Amino acid sequence: MKINIVAKPGWILERLAREIIDRVPDVTLNAGALLPGERGADPFADVNYYLPAKDLRKYPVDGHAIGFYTHGENAFDLIPRFDACVAMNRTMARALEARGAAHVTIIRPGTDAPPRPVVFGVIGRVYNDGRKGEALVAAAVADGFRFVACGFRGRRARAMKRHQWPCPMPYTIAERDAFYAAIDYLVVTSTEEGGPMPVLEAIARGVPVIAPNVGWCWEFPVLRYAIGYYAAPPHVGALEPPPLRQVLEQLTAPPSWQHWGEAHARLFAELSRKVA
């Protein structure tokens, strides 16, 4: 199936188009343009893909089409003319579906930066009631995320040996400065807190914090997640906080251009069966 992308030259949308072309066969850019450096839909393509969707008004052709929606409502009236709609985020995807779009796919553009090792830190003591969220840390470690703890040793630690953080604990409370210097993010996993104090300590040292809505956490600029949930909670709304795993994944492996291309290849393959 031949796909032609309609995108403005010299702008970020052209970059999005070329990242697809580099990874998916039989894809062209502005093949129907009358002059070099202009946009144009190709009347001979099986599908024209409009980046952005509103360009269908300027460059209409008969046949199948895909619309790429970024923000705003200025192209919602074109939804019935698209065989598929691509959204950049869940908010737009839900808006498209609410307006009758039958085939909506979320595909996020990528980044050139390669994934890097990320160290997440937890601090304090673990009790026997589970409220410190050690089960969330255990699940994250099992998934391969790197966690280190700062806690207690000696008599206090021996008395708590059944209630330790399920990750290496190379730092003591007296070594907090070294702990904060060694981590990329402090993670609050508690389900109940008055503070906690480490949020203030981390912010004072320039360490970003990942936290649920416990204590005063959301009164400070933190990365939010759904309290008590490592995996997805039921009935997650577009504006509700994600589970902890999703936050950790996005921080360790942000969307790549490879993912962008592969997701479009799947979309085009699905559409080829539909329009055949």
C-alpha atoms as a PDB file:
ATOM      1  CA  MET A   1       0.000   0.000   0.000  1.00  0.00           C
ATOM      2  CA  LYS A   2       1.323   3.418  -0.962  1.00  0.00           C
ATOM      3  CA  ILE A   3       1.082   6.131   1.691  1.00  0.00           C
ATOM      4  CA  ASN A   4       1.664   9.812   0.968  1.00  0.00           C
ATOM      5  CA  ILE A   5       2.235  12.183   3.866  1.00  0.00           C
ATOM      6  CA  VAL A   6       1.094  15.778   3.519  1.00  0.00           C
ATOM      7  CA  ALA A   7       3.221  17.930   5.832  1.00  0.00           C
ATOM      8  CA  LYS A   8       4.586  21.477   5.876  1.00  0.00           C
ATOM      9  CA  PRO A   9       8.248  21.535   4.757  1.00  0.00           C
ATOM     10  CA  GLY A  10      10.820  22.953   7.145  1.00  0.00           C
ATOM     11  CA  TRP A  11       8.736  22.453  10.274  1.00  0.00           C
ATOM     12  CA  ILE A  12       8.586  19.862  13.047  1.00  0.00           C
ATOM     13  CA  LEU A  13       5.809  18.021  11.201  1.00  0.00           C
ATOM     14  CA  GLU A  14       8.185  17.405   8.309  1.00  0.00           C
ATOM     15  CA  ARG A  15      10.565  15.813  10.819  1.00  0.00           C
ATOM     16  CA  LEU A  16       7.757  13.538  11.988  1.00  0.00           C
ATOM     17  CA  ALA A  17       7.058  12.575   8.393  1.00  0.00           C
ATOM     18  CA  ARG A  18      10.677  11.818   7.528  1.00  0.00           C
ATOM     19  CA  GLU A  19      11.092   9.632  10.617  1.00  0.00           C
ATOM     20  CA  ILE A  20       8.235   7.517   9.249  1.00  0.00           C
ATOM     21  CA  ILE A  21       9.660   7.460   5.720  1.00  0.00           C
ATOM     22  CA  ASP A  22      13.044   6.277   7.024  1.00  0.00           C
ATOM     23  CA  ARG A  23      11.412   3.274   8.715  1.00  0.00           C
ATOM     24  CA  VAL A  24       8.369   2.301   6.668  1.00  0.00           C
ATOM     25  CA  PRO A  25       8.490   1.310   2.962  1.00  0.00           C
ATOM     26  CA  ASP A  26       6.248   2.825   0.281  1.00  0.00           C
ATOM     27  CA  VAL A  27       5.782   6.132   2.070  1.00  0.00           C
ATOM     28  CA  THR A  28       6.289   9.467   0.275  1.00  0.00           C
ATOM     29  CA  LEU A  29       6.181  13.116   1.350  1.00  0.00           C
ATOM     30  CA  ASN A  30       4.103  15.711  -0.507  1.00  0.00           C
ATOM     31  CA  ALA A  31       4.138  13.600  -3.669  1.00  0.00           C
ATOM     32  CA  GLY A  32       1.269  15.622  -5.123  1.00  0.00           C
ATOM     33  CA  ALA A  33       2.912  19.032  -4.685  1.00  0.00           C
ATOM     34  CA  LEU A  34       2.900  21.209  -7.795  1.00  0.00           C
ATOM     35  CA  LEU A  35       6.219  22.878  -6.922  1.00  0.00           C
ATOM     36  CA  PRO A  36       9.246  21.665  -4.913  1.00  0.00           C
ATOM     37  CA  GLY A  37       9.070  22.695  -1.265  1.00  0.00           C
ATOM     38  CA  GLU A  38       5.284  22.835  -1.177  1.00  0.00           C
ATOM     39  CA  ARG A  39       2.670  20.586   0.337  1.00  0.00           C
ATOM     40  CA  GLY A  40       0.502  18.351  -1.758  1.00  0.00           C
ATOM     41  CA  ALA A  41      -1.789  15.337  -1.576  1.00  0.00           C
ATOM     42  CA  ASP A  42      -1.174  12.537  -4.070  1.00  0.00           C
ATOM     43  CA  PRO A  43      -4.301  11.463  -5.990  1.00  0.00           C
ATOM     44  CA  PHE A  44      -2.558   8.201  -6.939  1.00  0.00           C
ATOM     45  CA  ALA A  45      -1.677   7.159  -3.377  1.00  0.00           C
ATOM     46  CA  ASP A  46      -3.768   4.545  -1.610  1.00  0.00           C
ATOM     47  CA  VAL A  47      -3.903   6.751   1.475  1.00  0.00           C
ATOM     48  CA  ASN A  48      -2.981  10.386   2.153  1.00  0.00           C
ATOM     49  CA  TYR A  49      -1.836  11.080   5.708  1.00  0.00           C
ATOM     50  CA  TYR A  50      -2.380  14.688   6.775  1.00  0.00           C
ATOM     51  CA  LEU A  51       0.042  16.180   9.315  1.00  0.00           C
ATOM     52  CA  PRO A  52      -1.861  18.092  10.661  1.00  0.00           C
ATOM     53  CA  ALA A  53      -5.409  16.910   9.994  1.00  0.00           C
ATOM     54  CA  LYS A  54      -6.651  20.396   9.123  1.00  0.00           C
ATOM     55  CA  ASP A  55      -4.583  20.355   5.906  1.00  0.00           C
ATOM     56  CA  LEU A  56      -7.267  18.161   4.348  1.00  0.00           C
ATOM     57  CA  ARG A  57      -9.171  21.397   3.723  1.00  0.00           C
ATOM     58  CA  LYS A  58      -6.316  22.903   1.691  1.00  0.00           C
ATOM     59  CA  TYR A  59      -5.224  19.772  -0.160  1.00  0.00           C
ATOM     60  CA  PRO A  60      -8.290  17.557  -0.628  1.00  0.00           C
ATOM     61  CA  VAL A  61      -8.251  14.479  -2.839  1.00  0.00           C
ATOM     62  CA  ASP A  62     -10.695  11.654  -3.249  1.00  0.00           C
ATOM     63  CA  GLY A  63      -9.837   8.409  -1.511  1.00  0.00           C
ATOM     64  CA  HIS A  64      -8.694   7.193   1.857  1.00  0.00           C
ATOM     65  CA  ALA A  65      -7.084   9.479   4.427  1.00  0.00           C
ATOM     66  CA  ILE A  66      -5.554   9.585   7.908  1.00  0.00           C
ATOM     67  CA  GLY A  67      -5.602  12.678  10.112  1.00  0.00           C
ATOM     68  CA  PHE A  68      -2.931  13.581  12.679  1.00  0.00           C
ATOM     69  CA  TYR A  69      -4.412  15.555  15.586  1.00  0.00           C
ATOM     70  CA  THR A  70      -2.190  17.568  17.916  1.00  0.00           C
ATOM     71  CA  HIS A  71      -4.328  20.040  19.871  1.00  0.00           C
ATOM     72  CA  GLY A  72      -7.415  22.189  19.584  1.00  0.00           C
ATOM     73  CA  GLU A  73     -10.756  21.599  17.926  1.00  0.00           C
ATOM     74  CA  ASN A  74     -10.117  23.253  14.557  1.00  0.00           C
ATOM     75  CA  ALA A  75     -10.298  19.975  12.612  1.00  0.00           C
ATOM     76  CA  PHE A  76     -12.971  18.022  14.487  1.00  0.00           C
ATOM     77  CA  ASP A  77     -15.425  18.652  11.655  1.00  0.00           C
ATOM     78  CA  LEU A  78     -13.137  16.612   9.355  1.00  0.00           C
ATOM     79  CA  ILE A  79     -13.337  13.442  11.470  1.00  0.00           C
ATOM     80  CA  PRO A  80     -15.935  11.727   9.226  1.00  0.00           C
ATOM     81  CA  ARG A  81     -13.579  12.090   6.248  1.00  0.00           C
ATOM     82  CA  PHE A  82     -10.750  10.103   7.847  1.00  0.00           C
ATOM     83  CA  ASP A  83     -10.421   6.325   7.864  1.00  0.00           C
ATOM     84  CA  ALA A  84      -8.206   6.673  10.955  1.00  0.00           C
ATOM     85  CA  CYS A  85      -7.167   9.425  13.349  1.00  0.00           C
ATOM     86  CA  VAL A  86      -3.814   9.625  15.131  1.00  0.00           C
ATOM     87  CA  ALA A  87      -3.595  11.514  18.442  1.00  0.00           C
ATOM     88  CA  MET A  88      -0.504  12.569  20.368  1.00  0.00           C
ATOM     89  CA  ASN A  89      -2.067  12.072  23.798  1.00  0.00           C
ATOM     90  CA  ARG A  90      -4.950  10.460  25.687  1.00  0.00           C
ATOM     91  CA  THR A  91      -6.819  13.747  26.100  1.00  0.00           C
ATOM     92  CA  MET A  92      -7.043  14.273  22.346  1.00  0.00           C
ATOM     93  CA  ALA A  93      -7.841  10.595  21.741  1.00  0.00           C
ATOM     94  CA  ARG A  94     -10.807  10.772  24.095  1.00  0.00           C
ATOM     95  CA  ALA A  95     -11.991  14.005  22.487  1.00  0.00           C
ATOM     96  CA  LEU A  96     -11.857  12.384  19.048  1.00  0.00           C
ATOM     97  CA  GLU A  97     -13.769   9.332  20.239  1.00  0.00           C
ATOM     98  CA  ALA A  98     -16.383  11.555  21.899  1.00  0.00           C
ATOM     99  CA  ARG A  99     -16.981  13.179  18.528  1.00  0.00           C
ATOM    100  CA  GLY A 100     -17.514   9.917  16.726  1.00  0.00           C
ATOM    101  CA  ALA A 101     -14.071   8.939  15.453  1.00  0.00           C
ATOM    102  CA  ALA A 102     -14.208   5.167  14.991  1.00  0.00           C
ATOM    103  CA  HIS A 103     -10.499   4.396  14.627  1.00  0.00           C
ATOM    104  CA  VAL A 104      -8.248   6.381  16.997  1.00  0.00           C
ATOM    105  CA  THR A 105      -4.612   5.488  17.675  1.00  0.00           C
ATOM    106  CA  ILE A 106      -2.259   7.243  20.106  1.00  0.00           C
ATOM    107  CA  ILE A 107       1.266   7.525  18.683  1.00  0.00           C
ATOM    108  CA  ARG A 108       3.775   9.768  20.424  1.00  0.00           C
ATOM    109  CA  PRO A 109       6.704  11.299  18.551  1.00  0.00           C
ATOM    110  CA  GLY A 110      10.144  10.212  19.682  1.00  0.00           C
ATOM    111  CA  THR A 111      13.457  11.614  20.820  1.00  0.00           C
ATOM    112  CA  ASP A 112      17.037  11.240  19.682  1.00  0.00           C
ATOM    113  CA  ALA A 113      18.290  10.738  23.234  1.00  0.00           C
ATOM    114  CA  PRO A 114      19.074   7.095  24.009  1.00  0.00           C
ATOM    115  CA  PRO A 115      17.767   5.507  27.216  1.00  0.00           C
ATOM    116  CA  ARG A 116      20.130   5.996  30.141  1.00  0.00           C
ATOM    117  CA  PRO A 117      20.574   4.196  33.461  1.00  0.00           C
ATOM    118  CA  VAL A 118      18.287   5.758  36.056  1.00  0.00           C
ATOM    119  CA  VAL A 119      18.573   5.244  39.814  1.00  0.00           C
ATOM    120  CA  PHE A 120      15.474   5.596  41.971  1.00  0.00           C
ATOM    121  CA  GLY A 121      15.799   6.035  45.710  1.00  0.00           C
ATOM    122  CA  VAL A 122      13.648   5.303  48.759  1.00  0.00           C
ATOM    123  CA  ILE A 123      14.439   6.437  52.285  1.00  0.00           C
ATOM    124  CA  GLY A 124      13.391   5.726  55.858  1.00  0.00           C
ATOM    125  CA  ARG A 125      12.274   2.712  57.820  1.00  0.00           C
ATOM    126  CA  VAL A 126       9.774   0.022  56.850  1.00  0.00           C
ATOM    127  CA  TYR A 127       7.073  -0.997  59.304  1.00  0.00           C
ATOM    128  CA  ASN A 128       5.053  -4.190  59.546  1.00  0.00           C
ATOM    129  CA  ASP A 129       1.785  -2.777  58.198  1.00  0.00           C
ATOM    130  CA  GLY A 130       2.839  -2.204  54.577  1.00  0.00           C
ATOM    131  CA  ARG A 131       2.024   1.497  54.614  1.00  0.00           C
ATOM    132  CA  LYS A 132       5.534   2.446  53.479  1.00  0.00           C
ATOM    133  CA  GLY A 133       4.809   0.774  50.140  1.00  0.00           C
ATOM    134  CA  GLU A 134       7.658  -1.716  50.081  1.00  0.00           C
ATOM    135  CA  ALA A 135       5.492  -3.959  47.893  1.00  0.00           C
ATOM    136  CA  LEU A 136       5.638  -1.298  45.166  1.00  0.00           C
ATOM    137  CA  VAL A 137       9.427  -1.251  45.394  1.00  0.00           C
ATOM    138  CA  ALA A 138       9.539  -5.052  45.205  1.00  0.00           C
ATOM    139  CA  ALA A 139       7.400  -4.998  42.047  1.00  0.00           C
ATOM    140  CA  ALA A 140       9.589  -2.326  40.471  1.00  0.00           C
ATOM    141  CA  VAL A 141      12.789  -4.219  41.252  1.00  0.00           C
ATOM    142  CA  ALA A 142      11.260  -7.398  39.814  1.00  0.00           C
ATOM    143  CA  ASP A 143      10.595  -5.459  36.592  1.00  0.00           C
ATOM    144  CA  GLY A 144      14.263  -4.455  36.382  1.00  0.00           C
ATOM    145  CA  PHE A 145      14.121  -0.880  37.657  1.00  0.00           C
ATOM    146  CA  ARG A 146      17.152   0.091  39.726  1.00  0.00           C
ATOM    147  CA  PHE A 147      16.284   1.103  43.291  1.00  0.00           C
ATOM    148  CA  VAL A 148      18.564   1.876  46.234  1.00  0.00           C
ATOM    149  CA  ALA A 149      17.530   2.608  49.809  1.00  0.00           C
ATOM    150  CA  CYS A 150      18.748   4.791  52.617  1.00  0.00           C
ATOM    151  CA  GLY A 151      17.848   3.392  56.016  1.00  0.00           C
ATOM    152  CA  PHE A 152      19.079   2.011  59.315  1.00  0.00           C
ATOM    153  CA  ARG A 153      21.740  -0.490  60.310  1.00  0.00           C
ATOM    154  CA  GLY A 154      22.813  -2.056  63.543  1.00  0.00           C
ATOM    155  CA  ARG A 155      20.400  -2.932  66.361  1.00  0.00           C
ATOM    156  CA  ARG A 156      17.456  -1.127  64.822  1.00  0.00           C
ATOM    157  CA  ALA A 157      17.941  -2.831  61.481  1.00  0.00           C
ATOM    158  CA  ARG A 158      18.238  -6.271  63.081  1.00  0.00           C
ATOM    159  CA  ALA A 159      14.984  -5.696  64.931  1.00  0.00           C
ATOM    160  CA  MET A 160      13.368  -4.840  61.594  1.00  0.00           C
ATOM    161  CA  LYS A 161      15.014  -7.561  59.513  1.00  0.00           C
ATOM    162  CA  ARG A 162      11.669  -8.923  58.358  1.00  0.00           C
ATOM    163  CA  HIS A 163      10.617  -5.434  57.252  1.00  0.00           C
ATOM    164  CA  GLN A 164      13.398  -4.110  55.043  1.00  0.00           C
ATOM    165  CA  TRP A 165      13.336  -2.373  51.708  1.00  0.00           C
ATOM    166  CA  PRO A 166      13.422  -5.037  48.945  1.00  0.00           C
ATOM    167  CA  CYS A 167      16.422  -3.414  47.268  1.00  0.00           C
ATOM    168  CA  PRO A 168      20.077  -2.697  48.141  1.00  0.00           C
ATOM    169  CA  MET A 169      20.520  -0.308  51.065  1.00  0.00           C
ATOM    170  CA  PRO A 170      24.061   1.083  50.737  1.00  0.00           C
ATOM    171  CA  TYR A 171      23.350   4.285  52.702  1.00  0.00           C
ATOM    172  CA  THR A 172      22.382   5.037  56.290  1.00  0.00           C
ATOM    173  CA  ILE A 173      20.331   7.985  57.451  1.00  0.00           C
ATOM    174  CA  ALA A 174      23.580   9.634  58.509  1.00  0.00           C
ATOM    175  CA  GLU A 175      24.732   9.368  54.879  1.00  0.00           C
ATOM    176  CA  ARG A 176      21.776  11.183  53.374  1.00  0.00           C
ATOM    177  CA  ASP A 177      23.893  13.625  51.408  1.00  0.00           C
ATOM    178  CA  ALA A 178      25.642  10.782  49.588  1.00  0.00           C
ATOM    179  CA  PHE A 179      22.297   9.061  49.034  1.00  0.00           C
ATOM    180  CA  TYR A 180      20.683  12.077  47.400  1.00  0.00           C
ATOM    181  CA  ALA A 181      23.769  12.667  45.283  1.00  0.00           C
ATOM    182  CA  ALA A 182      23.598   9.073  43.999  1.00  0.00           C
ATOM    183  CA  ILE A 183      19.956   8.972  42.883  1.00  0.00           C
ATOM    184  CA  ASP A 184      18.126  10.534  39.960  1.00  0.00           C
ATOM    185  CA  TYR A 185      14.684  10.524  41.603  1.00  0.00           C
ATOM    186  CA  LEU A 186      13.361  10.107  45.127  1.00  0.00           C
ATOM    187  CA  VAL A 187      10.269   7.874  45.175  1.00  0.00           C
ATOM    188  CA  VAL A 188       7.663   8.143  47.915  1.00  0.00           C
ATOM    189  CA  THR A 189       5.800   4.836  48.042  1.00  0.00           C
ATOM    190  CA  SER A 190       3.809   5.368  51.233  1.00  0.00           C
ATOM    191  CA  THR A 191       0.042   5.162  51.402  1.00  0.00           C
ATOM    192  CA  GLU A 192      -0.137   7.299  54.544  1.00  0.00           C
ATOM    193  CA  GLU A 193       2.149  10.100  55.732  1.00  0.00           C
ATOM    194  CA  GLY A 194       2.228  13.336  57.688  1.00  0.00           C
ATOM    195  CA  GLY A 195       5.016  14.781  55.549  1.00  0.00           C
ATOM    196  CA  PRO A 196       7.125  13.040  54.548  1.00  0.00           C
ATOM    197  CA  MET A 197      10.283  14.967  55.401  1.00  0.00           C
ATOM    198  CA  PRO A 198      12.395  13.432  52.552  1.00  0.00           C
ATOM    199  CA  VAL A 199      10.310  15.397  50.040  1.00  0.00           C
ATOM    200  CA  LEU A 200      11.724  18.608  51.493  1.00  0.00           C
ATOM    201  CA  GLU A 201      15.225  17.161  51.685  1.00  0.00           C
ATOM    202  CA  ALA A 202      15.172  16.051  48.055  1.00  0.00           C
ATOM    203  CA  ILE A 203      13.815  19.354  46.751  1.00  0.00           C
ATOM    204  CA  ALA A 204      16.431  21.260  48.751  1.00  0.00           C
ATOM    205  CA  ARG A 205      19.128  19.189  47.036  1.00  0.00           C
ATOM    206  CA  GLY A 206      17.672  19.535  43.537  1.00  0.00           C
ATOM    207  CA  VAL A 207      16.502  15.906  43.335  1.00  0.00           C
ATOM    208  CA  PRO A 208      13.079  15.478  41.660  1.00  0.00           C
ATOM    209  CA  VAL A 209      10.413  13.569  43.563  1.00  0.00           C
ATOM    210  CA  ILE A 210       7.901  10.943  42.427  1.00  0.00           C
ATOM    211  CA  ALA A 211       4.972  10.724  44.833  1.00  0.00           C
ATOM    212  CA  PRO A 212       1.296   9.856  45.329  1.00  0.00           C
ATOM    213  CA  ASN A 213      -1.212  12.143  47.005  1.00  0.00           C
ATOM    214  CA  VAL A 214      -0.190  11.479  50.607  1.00  0.00           C
ATOM    215  CA  GLY A 215       0.658  13.993  53.298  1.00  0.00           C
ATOM    216  CA  TRP A 216       1.907  17.206  51.756  1.00  0.00           C
ATOM    217  CA  CYS A 217       3.450  15.600  48.652  1.00  0.00           C
ATOM    218  CA  TRP A 218       1.148  17.226  46.093  1.00  0.00           C
ATOM    219  CA  GLU A 219       1.576  20.598  47.753  1.00  0.00           C
ATOM    220  CA  PHE A 220       5.038  20.541  46.178  1.00  0.00           C
ATOM    221  CA  PRO A 221       6.157  20.167  42.534  1.00  0.00           C
ATOM    222  CA  VAL A 222       6.380  16.379  42.262  1.00  0.00           C
ATOM    223  CA  LEU A 223       5.791  13.766  39.553  1.00  0.00           C
ATOM    224  CA  ARG A 224       2.429  12.264  40.490  1.00  0.00           C
ATOM    225  CA  TYR A 225       1.173   8.686  40.421  1.00  0.00           C
ATOM    226  CA  ALA A 226      -1.918   6.894  41.708  1.00  0.00           C
ATOM    227  CA  ILE A 227      -1.605   6.151  45.409  1.00  0.00           C
ATOM    228  CA  GLY A 228      -0.894   2.501  46.177  1.00  0.00           C
ATOM    229  CA  TYR A 229      -0.857   1.345  42.542  1.00  0.00           C
ATOM    230  CA  TYR A 230       2.151  -0.101  40.794  1.00  0.00           C
ATOM    231  CA  ALA A 231       0.194  -1.310  37.756  1.00  0.00           C
ATOM    232  CA  ALA A 232      -2.824   0.388  36.204  1.00  0.00           C
ATOM    233  CA  PRO A 233      -5.767   1.036  38.559  1.00  0.00           C
ATOM    234  CA  PRO A 234      -9.264   0.436  37.211  1.00  0.00           C
ATOM    235  CA  HIS A 235     -11.111   3.163  35.330  1.00  0.00           C
ATOM    236  CA  VAL A 236      -8.165   5.499  34.731  1.00  0.00           C
ATOM    237  CA  GLY A 237      -9.392   8.801  33.311  1.00  0.00           C
ATOM    238  CA  ALA A 238      -7.435  10.957  30.904  1.00  0.00           C
ATOM    239  CA  LEU A 239      -6.521  13.453  33.615  1.00  0.00           C
ATOM    240  CA  GLU A 240      -6.018  11.027  36.501  1.00  0.00           C
ATOM    241  CA  PRO A 241      -2.507  10.158  37.704  1.00  0.00           C
ATOM    242  CA  PRO A 242      -0.914   7.062  36.160  1.00  0.00           C
ATOM    243  CA  PRO A 243       0.338   4.021  38.094  1.00  0.00           C
ATOM    244  CA  LEU A 244       3.914   4.059  39.372  1.00  0.00           C
ATOM    245  CA  ARG A 245       5.174   1.631  36.732  1.00  0.00           C
ATOM    246  CA  GLN A 246       4.131   3.942  33.914  1.00  0.00           C
ATOM    247  CA  VAL A 247       6.039   6.844  35.496  1.00  0.00           C
ATOM    248  CA  LEU A 248       9.169   4.715  35.930  1.00  0.00           C
ATOM    249  CA  GLU A 249       8.924   3.438  32.350  1.00  0.00           C
ATOM    250  CA  GLN A 250       8.575   6.912  30.868  1.00  0.00           C
ATOM    251  CA  LEU A 251      11.568   8.182  32.826  1.00  0.00           C
ATOM    252  CA  THR A 252      13.840   5.281  31.885  1.00  0.00           C
ATOM    253  CA  ALA A 253      12.721   4.684  28.293  1.00  0.00           C
ATOM    254  CA  PRO A 254      11.055   7.727  26.709  1.00  0.00           C
ATOM    255  CA  PRO A 255       9.343   7.227  23.338  1.00  0.00           C
ATOM    256  CA  SER A 256      11.837   6.755  20.515  1.00  0.00           C
ATOM    257  CA  TRP A 257      11.685   7.453  16.796  1.00  0.00           C
ATOM    258  CA  GLN A 258      11.912   3.694  16.308  1.00  0.00           C
ATOM    259  CA  HIS A 259       8.698   3.281  18.283  1.00  0.00           C
ATOM    260  CA  TRP A 260       7.131   6.105  16.244  1.00  0.00           C
ATOM    261  CA  GLY A 261       7.969   4.316  12.999  1.00  0.00           C
ATOM    262  CA  GLU A 262       6.915   0.862  14.177  1.00  0.00           C
ATOM    263  CA  ALA A 263       3.573   2.150  15.470  1.00  0.00           C
ATOM    264  CA  HIS A 264       2.867   3.736  12.100  1.00  0.00           C
ATOM    265  CA  ALA A 265       3.854   0.555  10.280  1.00  0.00           C
ATOM    266  CA  ARG A 266       1.250  -1.329  12.350  1.00  0.00           C
ATOM    267  CA  LEU A 267      -1.365   1.340  11.648  1.00  0.00           C
ATOM    268  CA  PHE A 268      -0.692   1.255   7.898  1.00  0.00           C
ATOM    269  CA  ALA A 269      -0.846  -2.559   7.842  1.00  0.00           C
ATOM    270  CA  GLU A 270      -4.176  -2.516   9.675  1.00  0.00           C
ATOM    271  CA  LEU A 271      -5.530   0.148   7.334  1.00  0.00           C
ATOM    272  CA  SER A 272      -4.379  -1.756   4.245  1.00  0.00           C
ATOM    273  CA  ARG A 273      -6.611  -4.659   5.252  1.00  0.00           C
ATOM    274  CA  LYS A 274      -9.478  -2.240   5.772  1.00  0.00           C
ATOM    275  CA  VAL A 275      -9.221  -0.397   2.443  1.00  0.00           C
ATOM    276  CA  ALA A 276      -8.293  -3.389   0.281  1.00  0.00           C
END
